Amino acid sequence: MARVKKSRSMRGKLGKTGSKELLKEQNKARKASSTRRFATKKAKERKEQAHKKLDRLGLLPAQEEAKAPVRPRRFVFVKPVDEKEEEAKKAALLEQESIENDSEDLSTDELLSAFSEEK
């Protein structure tokens, strides 16, 4: 007996019992159903392959290379604060401020004394 090739189509599954209207309904249902992962994966692969071919042939339109937006790093190293250095910085700032205030005070004193001397 000769082997009969098994058909994967709906028509083959229906055989002679199914009608054309039933076949159409089943096709509609198949098209309306959500795409499977395999189908979408294959479609994506085909698209990539066509893209590569066009690129090889030089028919691909020139595109600007879009840079991916820089993703913020999740874990950023923050150097621990050294207490001694902080105290030294604060002391230096206080000294600078006191020197600036002294110079301002001296200048105002000098101005006042200069005015008083003239009179």
PDB file of N, CA and C in Angstrom:
ATOM      1  N   MET A   1       0.825  -1.179   0.000  1.00  0.00           N
ATOM      2  CA  MET A   1       0.000   0.000   0.000  1.00  0.00           C
ATOM      3  C   MET A   1       0.880   1.257   0.000  1.00  0.00           C
ATOM      4  N   ALA A   2       0.522   2.230  -0.798  1.00  0.00           N
ATOM      5  CA  ALA A   2       1.303   3.460  -0.894  1.00  0.00           C
ATOM      6  C   ALA A   2       0.989   4.359   0.310  1.00  0.00           C
ATOM      7  N   ARG A   3       2.038   4.997   0.755  1.00  0.00           N
ATOM      8  CA  ARG A   3       1.839   5.914   1.885  1.00  0.00           C
ATOM      9  C   ARG A   3       1.216   7.203   1.392  1.00  0.00           C
ATOM     10  N   VAL A   4       0.317   7.725   2.185  1.00  0.00           N
ATOM     11  CA  VAL A   4      -0.317   8.993   1.839  1.00  0.00           C
ATOM     12  C   VAL A   4       0.338  10.073   2.694  1.00  0.00           C
ATOM     13  N   LYS A   5       0.811  11.136   2.031  1.00  0.00           N
ATOM     14  CA  LYS A   5       1.464  12.223   2.757  1.00  0.00           C
ATOM     15  C   LYS A   5       0.429  12.923   3.631  1.00  0.00           C
ATOM     16  N   LYS A   6       0.795  13.091   4.896  1.00  0.00           N
ATOM     17  CA  LYS A   6      -0.134  13.748   5.814  1.00  0.00           C
ATOM     18  C   LYS A   6      -0.096  15.247   5.548  1.00  0.00           C
ATOM     19  N   SER A   7      -1.248  15.798   5.316  1.00  0.00           N
ATOM     20  CA  SER A   7      -1.344  17.223   5.037  1.00  0.00           C
ATOM     21  C   SER A   7      -1.482  17.987   6.343  1.00  0.00           C
ATOM     22  N   ARG A   8      -0.806  19.130   6.427  1.00  0.00           N
ATOM     23  CA  ARG A   8      -0.895  19.945   7.642  1.00  0.00           C
ATOM     24  C   ARG A   8      -1.962  21.009   7.495  1.00  0.00           C
ATOM     25  N   SER A   9      -2.531  21.108   6.310  1.00  0.00           N
ATOM     26  CA  SER A   9      -3.532  22.161   6.083  1.00  0.00           C
ATOM     27  C   SER A   9      -4.865  21.746   6.673  1.00  0.00           C
ATOM     28  N   MET A  10      -5.708  22.723   6.829  1.00  0.00           N
ATOM     29  CA  MET A  10      -7.037  22.457   7.372  1.00  0.00           C
ATOM     30  C   MET A  10      -7.853  21.610   6.396  1.00  0.00           C
ATOM     31  N   ARG A  11      -7.637  21.839   5.127  1.00  0.00           N
ATOM     32  CA  ARG A  11      -8.400  21.092   4.126  1.00  0.00           C
ATOM     33  C   ARG A  11      -8.094  19.597   4.249  1.00  0.00           C
ATOM     34  N   GLY A  12      -6.831  19.284   4.476  1.00  0.00           N
ATOM     35  CA  GLY A  12      -6.435  17.887   4.626  1.00  0.00           C
ATOM     36  C   GLY A  12      -7.045  17.268   5.861  1.00  0.00           C
ATOM     37  N   LYS A  13      -7.142  18.066   6.929  1.00  0.00           N
ATOM     38  CA  LYS A  13      -7.718  17.556   8.173  1.00  0.00           C
ATOM     39  C   LYS A  13      -9.232  17.369   8.032  1.00  0.00           C
ATOM     40  N   LEU A  14      -9.824  18.281   7.309  1.00  0.00           N
ATOM     41  CA  LEU A  14     -11.265  18.178   7.140  1.00  0.00           C
ATOM     42  C   LEU A  14     -11.633  17.018   6.219  1.00  0.00           C
ATOM     43  N   GLY A  15     -10.788  16.787   5.236  1.00  0.00           N
ATOM     44  CA  GLY A  15     -11.098  15.730   4.274  1.00  0.00           C
ATOM     45  C   GLY A  15     -12.308  16.096   3.449  1.00  0.00           C
ATOM     46  N   LYS A  16     -13.116  15.113   3.155  1.00  0.00           N
ATOM     47  CA  LYS A  16     -14.291  15.371   2.313  1.00  0.00           C
ATOM     48  C   LYS A  16     -15.513  15.729   3.149  1.00  0.00           C
ATOM     49  N   THR A  17     -15.373  15.594   4.468  1.00  0.00           N
ATOM     50  CA  THR A  17     -16.558  15.823   5.305  1.00  0.00           C
ATOM     51  C   THR A  17     -16.818  17.310   5.508  1.00  0.00           C
ATOM     52  N   GLY A  18     -15.743  18.144   5.563  1.00  0.00           N
ATOM     53  CA  GLY A  18     -15.910  19.560   5.855  1.00  0.00           C
ATOM     54  C   GLY A  18     -16.304  20.357   4.637  1.00  0.00           C
ATOM     55  N   SER A  19     -17.035  21.403   4.873  1.00  0.00           N
ATOM     56  CA  SER A  19     -17.455  22.248   3.757  1.00  0.00           C
ATOM     57  C   SER A  19     -16.495  23.424   3.620  1.00  0.00           C
ATOM     58  N   LYS A  20     -16.610  24.121   2.513  1.00  0.00           N
ATOM     59  CA  LYS A  20     -15.749  25.268   2.259  1.00  0.00           C
ATOM     60  C   LYS A  20     -16.043  26.399   3.250  1.00  0.00           C
ATOM     61  N   GLU A  21     -17.286  26.564   3.632  1.00  0.00           N
ATOM     62  CA  GLU A  21     -17.666  27.609   4.584  1.00  0.00           C
ATOM     63  C   GLU A  21     -17.024  27.349   5.952  1.00  0.00           C
ATOM     64  N   LEU A  22     -17.026  26.071   6.346  1.00  0.00           N
ATOM     65  CA  LEU A  22     -16.409  25.705   7.619  1.00  0.00           C
ATOM     66  C   LEU A  22     -14.914  25.988   7.588  1.00  0.00           C
ATOM     67  N   LEU A  23     -14.289  25.702   6.462  1.00  0.00           N
ATOM     68  CA  LEU A  23     -12.859  25.955   6.282  1.00  0.00           C
ATOM     69  C   LEU A  23     -12.568  27.451   6.420  1.00  0.00           C
ATOM     70  N   LYS A  24     -13.424  28.272   5.799  1.00  0.00           N
ATOM     71  CA  LYS A  24     -13.242  29.719   5.886  1.00  0.00           C
ATOM     72  C   LYS A  24     -13.366  30.200   7.322  1.00  0.00           C
ATOM     73  N   GLU A  25     -14.333  29.672   8.035  1.00  0.00           N
ATOM     74  CA  GLU A  25     -14.534  30.060   9.436  1.00  0.00           C
ATOM     75  C   GLU A  25     -13.311  29.710  10.279  1.00  0.00           C
ATOM     76  N   GLN A  26     -12.755  28.527  10.009  1.00  0.00           N
ATOM     77  CA  GLN A  26     -11.586  28.098  10.775  1.00  0.00           C
ATOM     78  C   GLN A  26     -10.372  28.971  10.463  1.00  0.00           C
ATOM     79  N   ASN A  27     -10.248  29.357   9.192  1.00  0.00           N
ATOM     80  CA  ASN A  27      -9.151  30.243   8.810  1.00  0.00           C
ATOM     81  C   ASN A  27      -9.274  31.594   9.501  1.00  0.00           C
ATOM     82  N   LYS A  28     -10.492  32.103   9.562  1.00  0.00           N
ATOM     83  CA  LYS A  28     -10.735  33.374  10.242  1.00  0.00           C
ATOM     84  C   LYS A  28     -10.355  33.271  11.719  1.00  0.00           C
ATOM     85  N   ALA A  29     -10.770  32.162  12.323  1.00  0.00           N
ATOM     86  CA  ALA A  29     -10.472  31.956  13.744  1.00  0.00           C
ATOM     87  C   ALA A  29      -8.967  31.881  13.970  1.00  0.00           C
ATOM     88  N   ARG A  30      -8.269  31.213  13.054  1.00  0.00           N
ATOM     89  CA  ARG A  30      -6.817  31.071  13.183  1.00  0.00           C
ATOM     90  C   ARG A  30      -6.128  32.430  13.057  1.00  0.00           C
ATOM     91  N   LYS A  31      -6.598  33.239  12.120  1.00  0.00           N
ATOM     92  CA  LYS A  31      -5.999  34.559  11.925  1.00  0.00           C
ATOM     93  C   LYS A  31      -6.301  35.506  13.077  1.00  0.00           C
ATOM     94  N   ALA A  32      -7.467  35.355  13.666  1.00  0.00           N
ATOM     95  CA  ALA A  32      -7.865  36.237  14.766  1.00  0.00           C
ATOM     96  C   ALA A  32      -7.179  35.867  16.072  1.00  0.00           C
ATOM     97  N   SER A  33      -6.722  34.634  16.184  1.00  0.00           N
ATOM     98  CA  SER A  33      -6.107  34.202  17.445  1.00  0.00           C
ATOM     99  C   SER A  33      -4.781  34.929  17.649  1.00  0.00           C
ATOM    100  N   SER A  34      -4.379  35.022  18.902  1.00  0.00           N
ATOM    101  CA  SER A  34      -3.135  35.729  19.228  1.00  0.00           C
ATOM    102  C   SER A  34      -1.954  34.979  18.637  1.00  0.00           C
ATOM    103  N   THR A  35      -0.941  35.743  18.229  1.00  0.00           N
ATOM    104  CA  THR A  35       0.233  35.123  17.597  1.00  0.00           C
ATOM    105  C   THR A  35       1.036  34.364  18.636  1.00  0.00           C
ATOM    106  N   ARG A  36       1.544  33.262  18.203  1.00  0.00           N
ATOM    107  CA  ARG A  36       2.386  32.447  19.078  1.00  0.00           C
ATOM    108  C   ARG A  36       3.798  33.018  19.073  1.00  0.00           C
ATOM    109  N   ARG A  37       4.560  32.662  20.090  1.00  0.00           N
ATOM    110  CA  ARG A  37       5.930  33.141  20.181  1.00  0.00           C
ATOM    111  C   ARG A  37       6.768  32.680  19.002  1.00  0.00           C
ATOM    112  N   PHE A  38       6.552  31.450  18.587  1.00  0.00           N
ATOM    113  CA  PHE A  38       7.328  30.889  17.481  1.00  0.00           C
ATOM    114  C   PHE A  38       7.093  31.695  16.213  1.00  0.00           C
ATOM    115  N   ALA A  39       5.831  32.015  15.951  1.00  0.00           N
ATOM    116  CA  ALA A  39       5.486  32.752  14.736  1.00  0.00           C
ATOM    117  C   ALA A  39       6.116  34.143  14.746  1.00  0.00           C
ATOM    118  N   THR A  40       6.046  34.812  15.873  1.00  0.00           N
ATOM    119  CA  THR A  40       6.614  36.158  15.950  1.00  0.00           C
ATOM    120  C   THR A  40       8.133  36.107  15.857  1.00  0.00           C
ATOM    121  N   LYS A  41       8.708  35.059  16.428  1.00  0.00           N
ATOM    122  CA  LYS A  41      10.166  34.916  16.377  1.00  0.00           C
ATOM    123  C   LYS A  41      10.622  34.715  14.935  1.00  0.00           C
ATOM    124  N   LYS A  42       9.905  33.849  14.208  1.00  0.00           N
ATOM    125  CA  LYS A  42      10.255  33.589  12.806  1.00  0.00           C
ATOM    126  C   LYS A  42      10.100  34.847  11.965  1.00  0.00           C
ATOM    127  N   ALA A  43       9.025  35.590  12.207  1.00  0.00           N
ATOM    128  CA  ALA A  43       8.789  36.823  11.449  1.00  0.00           C
ATOM    129  C   ALA A  43       9.919  37.816  11.701  1.00  0.00           C
ATOM    130  N   LYS A  44      10.356  37.887  12.942  1.00  0.00           N
ATOM    131  CA  LYS A  44      11.443  38.799  13.303  1.00  0.00           C
ATOM    132  C   LYS A  44      12.740  38.376  12.616  1.00  0.00           C
ATOM    133  N   GLU A  45      12.988  37.069  12.607  1.00  0.00           N
ATOM    134  CA  GLU A  45      14.198  36.559  11.951  1.00  0.00           C
ATOM    135  C   GLU A  45      14.182  36.864  10.453  1.00  0.00           C
ATOM    136  N   ARG A  46      13.023  36.688   9.836  1.00  0.00           N
ATOM    137  CA  ARG A  46      12.902  36.977   8.398  1.00  0.00           C
ATOM    138  C   ARG A  46      13.169  38.453   8.115  1.00  0.00           C
ATOM    139  N   LYS A  47      12.636  39.292   8.966  1.00  0.00           N
ATOM    140  CA  LYS A  47      12.822  40.727   8.800  1.00  0.00           C
ATOM    141  C   LYS A  47      14.299  41.097   8.927  1.00  0.00           C
ATOM    142  N   GLU A  48      14.959  40.527   9.928  1.00  0.00           N
ATOM    143  CA  GLU A  48      16.384  40.792  10.123  1.00  0.00           C
ATOM    144  C   GLU A  48      17.200  40.305   8.926  1.00  0.00           C
ATOM    145  N   GLN A  49      16.832  39.129   8.416  1.00  0.00           N
ATOM    146  CA  GLN A  49      17.545  38.560   7.281  1.00  0.00           C
ATOM    147  C   GLN A  49      17.403  39.455   6.049  1.00  0.00           C
ATOM    148  N   ALA A  50      16.196  39.948   5.800  1.00  0.00           N
ATOM    149  CA  ALA A  50      15.955  40.841   4.672  1.00  0.00           C
ATOM    150  C   ALA A  50      16.739  42.141   4.840  1.00  0.00           C
ATOM    151  N   HIS A  51      16.804  42.608   6.066  1.00  0.00           N
ATOM    152  CA  HIS A  51      17.535  43.833   6.376  1.00  0.00           C
ATOM    153  C   HIS A  51      19.022  43.664   6.063  1.00  0.00           C
ATOM    154  N   LYS A  52      19.565  42.510   6.485  1.00  0.00           N
ATOM    155  CA  LYS A  52      20.985  42.223   6.230  1.00  0.00           C
ATOM    156  C   LYS A  52      21.270  42.142   4.736  1.00  0.00           C
ATOM    157  N   LYS A  53      20.353  41.521   4.015  1.00  0.00           N
ATOM    158  CA  LYS A  53      20.536  41.368   2.570  1.00  0.00           C
ATOM    159  C   LYS A  53      20.552  42.737   1.888  1.00  0.00           C
ATOM    160  N   LEU A  54      19.599  43.589   2.260  1.00  0.00           N
ATOM    161  CA  LEU A  54      19.565  44.934   1.682  1.00  0.00           C
ATOM    162  C   LEU A  54      20.831  45.710   2.023  1.00  0.00           C
ATOM    163  N   ASP A  55      21.320  45.492   3.226  1.00  0.00           N
ATOM    164  CA  ASP A  55      22.550  46.159   3.646  1.00  0.00           C
ATOM    165  C   ASP A  55      23.730  45.694   2.805  1.00  0.00           C
ATOM    166  N   ARG A  56      23.784  44.381   2.559  1.00  0.00           N
ATOM    167  CA  ARG A  56      24.868  43.828   1.727  1.00  0.00           C
ATOM    168  C   ARG A  56      24.826  44.391   0.322  1.00  0.00           C
ATOM    169  N   LEU A  57      23.613  44.493  -0.235  1.00  0.00           N
ATOM    170  CA  LEU A  57      23.458  44.973  -1.604  1.00  0.00           C
ATOM    171  C   LEU A  57      23.609  46.490  -1.712  1.00  0.00           C
ATOM    172  N   GLY A  58      23.597  47.167  -0.586  1.00  0.00           N
ATOM    173  CA  GLY A  58      23.748  48.611  -0.581  1.00  0.00           C
ATOM    174  C   GLY A  58      22.461  49.337  -0.906  1.00  0.00           C
ATOM    175  N   LEU A  59      21.328  48.672  -0.778  1.00  0.00           N
ATOM    176  CA  LEU A  59      20.042  49.290  -1.080  1.00  0.00           C
ATOM    177  C   LEU A  59      19.365  49.880   0.158  1.00  0.00           C
ATOM    178  N   LEU A  60      20.006  49.687   1.281  1.00  0.00           N
ATOM    179  CA  LEU A  60      19.422  50.159   2.531  1.00  0.00           C
ATOM    180  C   LEU A  60      19.594  51.667   2.639  1.00  0.00           C
ATOM    181  N   PRO A  61      18.528  52.398   2.958  1.00  0.00           N
ATOM    182  CA  PRO A  61      18.680  53.854   3.108  1.00  0.00           C
ATOM    183  C   PRO A  61      19.564  54.175   4.314  1.00  0.00           C
ATOM    184  N   ALA A  62      20.383  55.219   4.166  1.00  0.00           N
ATOM    185  CA  ALA A  62      21.306  55.594   5.248  1.00  0.00           C
ATOM    186  C   ALA A  62      20.516  56.094   6.441  1.00  0.00           C
ATOM    187  N   GLN A  63      20.857  55.576   7.607  1.00  0.00           N
ATOM    188  CA  GLN A  63      20.179  55.979   8.828  1.00  0.00           C
ATOM    189  C   GLN A  63      21.181  56.584   9.793  1.00  0.00           C
ATOM    190  N   GLU A  64      20.708  57.533  10.562  1.00  0.00           N
ATOM    191  CA  GLU A  64      21.553  58.094  11.603  1.00  0.00           C
ATOM    192  C   GLU A  64      21.631  57.080  12.734  1.00  0.00           C
ATOM    193  N   GLU A  65      22.819  56.921  13.261  1.00  0.00           N
ATOM    194  CA  GLU A  65      22.966  55.967  14.355  1.00  0.00           C
ATOM    195  C   GLU A  65      22.363  56.587  15.612  1.00  0.00           C
ATOM    196  N   ALA A  66      21.274  56.026  16.042  1.00  0.00           N
ATOM    197  CA  ALA A  66      20.608  56.536  17.232  1.00  0.00           C
ATOM    198  C   ALA A  66      21.269  55.934  18.466  1.00  0.00           C
ATOM    199  N   LYS A  67      21.775  56.807  19.308  1.00  0.00           N
ATOM    200  CA  LYS A  67      22.404  56.319  20.532  1.00  0.00           C
ATOM    201  C   LYS A  67      21.333  55.949  21.541  1.00  0.00           C
ATOM    202  N   ALA A  68      21.557  54.870  22.210  1.00  0.00           N
ATOM    203  CA  ALA A  68      20.623  54.451  23.248  1.00  0.00           C
ATOM    204  C   ALA A  68      20.751  55.425  24.413  1.00  0.00           C
ATOM    205  N   PRO A  69      19.639  55.789  25.027  1.00  0.00           N
ATOM    206  CA  PRO A  69      19.735  56.718  26.154  1.00  0.00           C
ATOM    207  C   PRO A  69      20.532  56.083  27.288  1.00  0.00           C
ATOM    208  N   VAL A  70      21.350  56.896  27.934  1.00  0.00           N
ATOM    209  CA  VAL A  70      22.200  56.390  28.999  1.00  0.00           C
ATOM    210  C   VAL A  70      21.331  56.012  30.183  1.00  0.00           C
ATOM    211  N   ARG A  71      21.481  54.776  30.584  1.00  0.00           N
ATOM    212  CA  ARG A  71      20.679  54.278  31.698  1.00  0.00           C
ATOM    213  C   ARG A  71      21.329  54.692  33.011  1.00  0.00           C
ATOM    214  N   PRO A  72      20.564  55.204  33.943  1.00  0.00           N
ATOM    215  CA  PRO A  72      21.181  55.566  35.229  1.00  0.00           C
ATOM    216  C   PRO A  72      21.670  54.315  35.944  1.00  0.00           C
ATOM    217  N   ARG A  73      22.850  54.427  36.493  1.00  0.00           N
ATOM    218  CA  ARG A  73      23.396  53.254  37.185  1.00  0.00           C
ATOM    219  C   ARG A  73      22.650  53.036  38.477  1.00  0.00           C
ATOM    220  N   ARG A  74      22.386  51.803  38.756  1.00  0.00           N
ATOM    221  CA  ARG A  74      21.579  51.483  39.926  1.00  0.00           C
ATOM    222  C   ARG A  74      22.375  51.636  41.216  1.00  0.00           C
ATOM    223  N   PHE A  75      23.573  51.084  41.231  1.00  0.00           N
ATOM    224  CA  PHE A  75      24.382  51.114  42.441  1.00  0.00           C
ATOM    225  C   PHE A  75      25.595  52.001  42.186  1.00  0.00           C
ATOM    226  N   VAL A  76      25.591  53.180  42.788  1.00  0.00           N
ATOM    227  CA  VAL A  76      26.690  54.115  42.604  1.00  0.00           C
ATOM    228  C   VAL A  76      27.481  54.147  43.893  1.00  0.00           C
ATOM    229  N   PHE A  77      28.797  53.988  43.759  1.00  0.00           N
ATOM    230  CA  PHE A  77      29.658  53.986  44.934  1.00  0.00           C
ATOM    231  C   PHE A  77      29.766  55.395  45.495  1.00  0.00           C
ATOM    232  N   VAL A  78      29.422  55.553  46.760  1.00  0.00           N
ATOM    233  CA  VAL A  78      29.562  56.837  47.434  1.00  0.00           C
ATOM    234  C   VAL A  78      30.664  56.683  48.460  1.00  0.00           C
ATOM    235  N   LYS A  79      31.687  57.512  48.301  1.00  0.00           N
ATOM    236  CA  LYS A  79      32.828  57.409  49.207  1.00  0.00           C
ATOM    237  C   LYS A  79      32.398  57.787  50.623  1.00  0.00           C
ATOM    238  N   PRO A  80      32.753  56.961  51.616  1.00  0.00           N
ATOM    239  CA  PRO A  80      32.361  57.285  52.983  1.00  0.00           C
ATOM    240  C   PRO A  80      33.030  58.593  53.440  1.00  0.00           C
ATOM    241  N   VAL A  81      32.316  59.360  54.245  1.00  0.00           N
ATOM    242  CA  VAL A  81      32.814  60.659  54.691  1.00  0.00           C
ATOM    243  C   VAL A  81      33.822  60.454  55.808  1.00  0.00           C
ATOM    244  N   ASP A  82      34.990  61.091  55.650  1.00  0.00           N
ATOM    245  CA  ASP A  82      36.023  61.015  56.679  1.00  0.00           C
ATOM    246  C   ASP A  82      35.798  62.181  57.642  1.00  0.00           C
ATOM    247  N   GLU A  83      35.572  61.888  58.909  1.00  0.00           N
ATOM    248  CA  GLU A  83      35.211  62.915  59.883  1.00  0.00           C
ATOM    249  C   GLU A  83      36.344  63.914  60.111  1.00  0.00           C
ATOM    250  N   LYS A  84      37.577  63.421  60.115  1.00  0.00           N
ATOM    251  CA  LYS A  84      38.719  64.315  60.362  1.00  0.00           C
ATOM    252  C   LYS A  84      38.854  65.344  59.248  1.00  0.00           C
ATOM    253  N   GLU A  85      38.679  64.897  58.026  1.00  0.00           N
ATOM    254  CA  GLU A  85      38.786  65.819  56.891  1.00  0.00           C
ATOM    255  C   GLU A  85      37.666  66.859  56.936  1.00  0.00           C
ATOM    256  N   GLU A  86      36.462  66.420  57.297  1.00  0.00           N
ATOM    257  CA  GLU A  86      35.336  67.337  57.385  1.00  0.00           C
ATOM    258  C   GLU A  86      35.607  68.424  58.434  1.00  0.00           C
ATOM    259  N   GLU A  87      36.126  68.017  59.582  1.00  0.00           N
ATOM    260  CA  GLU A  87      36.419  68.983  60.643  1.00  0.00           C
ATOM    261  C   GLU A  87      37.489  69.966  60.188  1.00  0.00           C
ATOM    262  N   ALA A  88      38.504  69.469  59.486  1.00  0.00           N
ATOM    263  CA  ALA A  88      39.576  70.335  58.994  1.00  0.00           C
ATOM    264  C   ALA A  88      39.020  71.348  57.990  1.00  0.00           C
ATOM    265  N   LYS A  89      38.116  70.901  57.114  1.00  0.00           N
ATOM    266  CA  LYS A  89      37.517  71.814  56.131  1.00  0.00           C
ATOM    267  C   LYS A  89      36.686  72.889  56.823  1.00  0.00           C
ATOM    268  N   LYS A  90      35.909  72.484  57.828  1.00  0.00           N
ATOM    269  CA  LYS A  90      35.074  73.441  58.551  1.00  0.00           C
ATOM    270  C   LYS A  90      35.943  74.479  59.260  1.00  0.00           C
ATOM    271  N   ALA A  91      37.029  74.013  59.872  1.00  0.00           N
ATOM    272  CA  ALA A  91      37.925  74.922  60.575  1.00  0.00           C
ATOM    273  C   ALA A  91      38.549  75.905  59.585  1.00  0.00           C
ATOM    274  N   ALA A  92      38.958  75.418  58.418  1.00  0.00           N
ATOM    275  CA  ALA A  92      39.556  76.284  57.406  1.00  0.00           C
ATOM    276  C   ALA A  92      38.540  77.328  56.931  1.00  0.00           C
ATOM    277  N   LEU A  93      37.296  76.924  56.744  1.00  0.00           N
ATOM    278  CA  LEU A  93      36.255  77.859  56.317  1.00  0.00           C
ATOM    279  C   LEU A  93      36.010  78.935  57.373  1.00  0.00           C
ATOM    280  N   LEU A  94      35.958  78.512  58.634  1.00  0.00           N
ATOM    281  CA  LEU A  94      35.744  79.482  59.718  1.00  0.00           C
ATOM    282  C   LEU A  94      36.884  80.487  59.778  1.00  0.00           C
ATOM    283  N   GLU A  95      38.116  80.010  59.590  1.00  0.00           N
ATOM    284  CA  GLU A  95      39.275  80.911  59.614  1.00  0.00           C
ATOM    285  C   GLU A  95      39.193  81.918  58.474  1.00  0.00           C
ATOM    286  N   GLN A  96      38.819  81.447  57.284  1.00  0.00           N
ATOM    287  CA  GLN A  96      38.708  82.349  56.138  1.00  0.00           C
ATOM    288  C   GLN A  96      37.640  83.402  56.376  1.00  0.00           C
ATOM    289  N   GLU A  97      36.503  82.978  56.918  1.00  0.00           N
ATOM    290  CA  GLU A  97      35.420  83.923  57.184  1.00  0.00           C
ATOM    291  C   GLU A  97      35.843  84.964  58.217  1.00  0.00           C
ATOM    292  N   SER A  98      36.545  84.516  59.256  1.00  0.00           N
ATOM    293  CA  SER A  98      36.977  85.452  60.294  1.00  0.00           C
ATOM    294  C   SER A  98      37.985  86.442  59.727  1.00  0.00           C
ATOM    295  N   ILE A  99      38.869  85.977  58.841  1.00  0.00           N
ATOM    296  CA  ILE A  99      39.850  86.866  58.221  1.00  0.00           C
ATOM    297  C   ILE A  99      39.143  87.894  57.349  1.00  0.00           C
ATOM    298  N   GLU A 100      38.150  87.441  56.574  1.00  0.00           N
ATOM    299  CA  GLU A 100      37.409  88.364  55.718  1.00  0.00           C
ATOM    300  C   GLU A 100      36.661  89.391  56.559  1.00  0.00           C
ATOM    301  N   ASN A 101      36.039  88.939  57.633  1.00  0.00           N
ATOM    302  CA  ASN A 101      35.311  89.868  58.504  1.00  0.00           C
ATOM    303  C   ASN A 101      36.259  90.871  59.136  1.00  0.00           C
ATOM    304  N   ASP A 102      37.443  90.387  59.569  1.00  0.00           N
ATOM    305  CA  ASP A 102      38.427  91.276  60.193  1.00  0.00           C
ATOM    306  C   ASP A 102      38.865  92.346  59.191  1.00  0.00           C
ATOM    307  N   SER A 103      39.128  91.922  57.962  1.00  0.00           N
ATOM    308  CA  SER A 103      39.586  92.890  56.965  1.00  0.00           C
ATOM    309  C   SER A 103      38.494  93.915  56.682  1.00  0.00           C
ATOM    310  N   GLU A 104      37.245  93.472  56.654  1.00  0.00           N
ATOM    311  CA  GLU A 104      36.147  94.404  56.446  1.00  0.00           C
ATOM    312  C   GLU A 104      36.028  95.357  57.632  1.00  0.00           C
ATOM    313  N   ASP A 105      36.164  94.811  58.832  1.00  0.00           N
ATOM    314  CA  ASP A 105      36.078  95.646  60.034  1.00  0.00           C
ATOM    315  C   ASP A 105      37.202  96.677  60.035  1.00  0.00           C
ATOM    316  N   LEU A 106      38.393  96.224  59.694  1.00  0.00           N
ATOM    317  CA  LEU A 106      39.524  97.137  59.660  1.00  0.00           C
ATOM    318  C   LEU A 106      39.301  98.231  58.643  1.00  0.00           C
ATOM    319  N   SER A 107      38.797  97.883  57.519  1.00  0.00           N
ATOM    320  CA  SER A 107      38.599  98.889  56.485  1.00  0.00           C
ATOM    321  C   SER A 107      37.570  99.926  56.929  1.00  0.00           C
ATOM    322  N   THR A 108      36.497  99.471  57.556  1.00  0.00           N
ATOM    323  CA  THR A 108      35.494 100.437  58.033  1.00  0.00           C
ATOM    324  C   THR A 108      36.065 101.299  59.145  1.00  0.00           C
ATOM    325  N   ASP A 109      36.852 100.666  60.037  1.00  0.00           N
ATOM    326  CA  ASP A 109      37.504 101.435  61.116  1.00  0.00           C
ATOM    327  C   ASP A 109      38.455 102.473  60.541  1.00  0.00           C
ATOM    328  N   GLU A 110      39.206 102.051  59.557  1.00  0.00           N
ATOM    329  CA  GLU A 110      40.157 102.969  58.929  1.00  0.00           C
ATOM    330  C   GLU A 110      39.426 104.128  58.277  1.00  0.00           C
ATOM    331  N   LEU A 111      38.304 103.808  57.615  1.00  0.00           N
ATOM    332  CA  LEU A 111      37.529 104.867  56.980  1.00  0.00           C
ATOM    333  C   LEU A 111      36.998 105.848  58.016  1.00  0.00           C
ATOM    334  N   LEU A 112      36.457 105.321  59.123  1.00  0.00           N
ATOM    335  CA  LEU A 112      35.926 106.191  60.171  1.00  0.00           C
ATOM    336  C   LEU A 112      37.025 107.060  60.774  1.00  0.00           C
ATOM    337  N   SER A 113      38.171 106.429  60.998  1.00  0.00           N
ATOM    338  CA  SER A 113      39.287 107.209  61.593  1.00  0.00           C
ATOM    339  C   SER A 113      39.757 108.258  60.594  1.00  0.00           C
ATOM    340  N   ALA A 114      39.753 107.924  59.324  1.00  0.00           N
ATOM    341  CA  ALA A 114      40.175 108.895  58.310  1.00  0.00           C
ATOM    342  C   ALA A 114      39.218 110.072  58.288  1.00  0.00           C
ATOM    343  N   PHE A 115      37.912 109.817  58.403  1.00  0.00           N
ATOM    344  CA  PHE A 115      36.935 110.907  58.414  1.00  0.00           C
ATOM    345  C   PHE A 115      37.118 111.764  59.666  1.00  0.00           C
ATOM    346  N   SER A 116      37.358 111.095  60.798  1.00  0.00           N
ATOM    347  CA  SER A 116      37.496 111.837  62.047  1.00  0.00           C
ATOM    348  C   SER A 116      38.757 112.689  62.037  1.00  0.00           C
ATOM    349  N   GLU A 117      39.839 112.215  61.414  1.00  0.00           N
ATOM    350  CA  GLU A 117      41.088 112.961  61.353  1.00  0.00           C
ATOM    351  C   GLU A 117      40.925 114.215  60.502  1.00  0.00           C
ATOM    352  N   GLU A 118      40.145 114.116  59.422  1.00  0.00           N
ATOM    353  CA  GLU A 118      39.992 115.256  58.536  1.00  0.00           C
ATOM    354  C   GLU A 118      39.262 116.407  59.234  1.00  0.00           C
ATOM    355  N   LYS A 119      38.346 116.064  60.082  1.00  0.00           N
ATOM    356  CA  LYS A 119      37.566 117.115  60.736  1.00  0.00           C
ATOM    357  C   LYS A 119      38.316 117.757  61.824  1.00  0.00           C
TER     358      LYS A 119
END
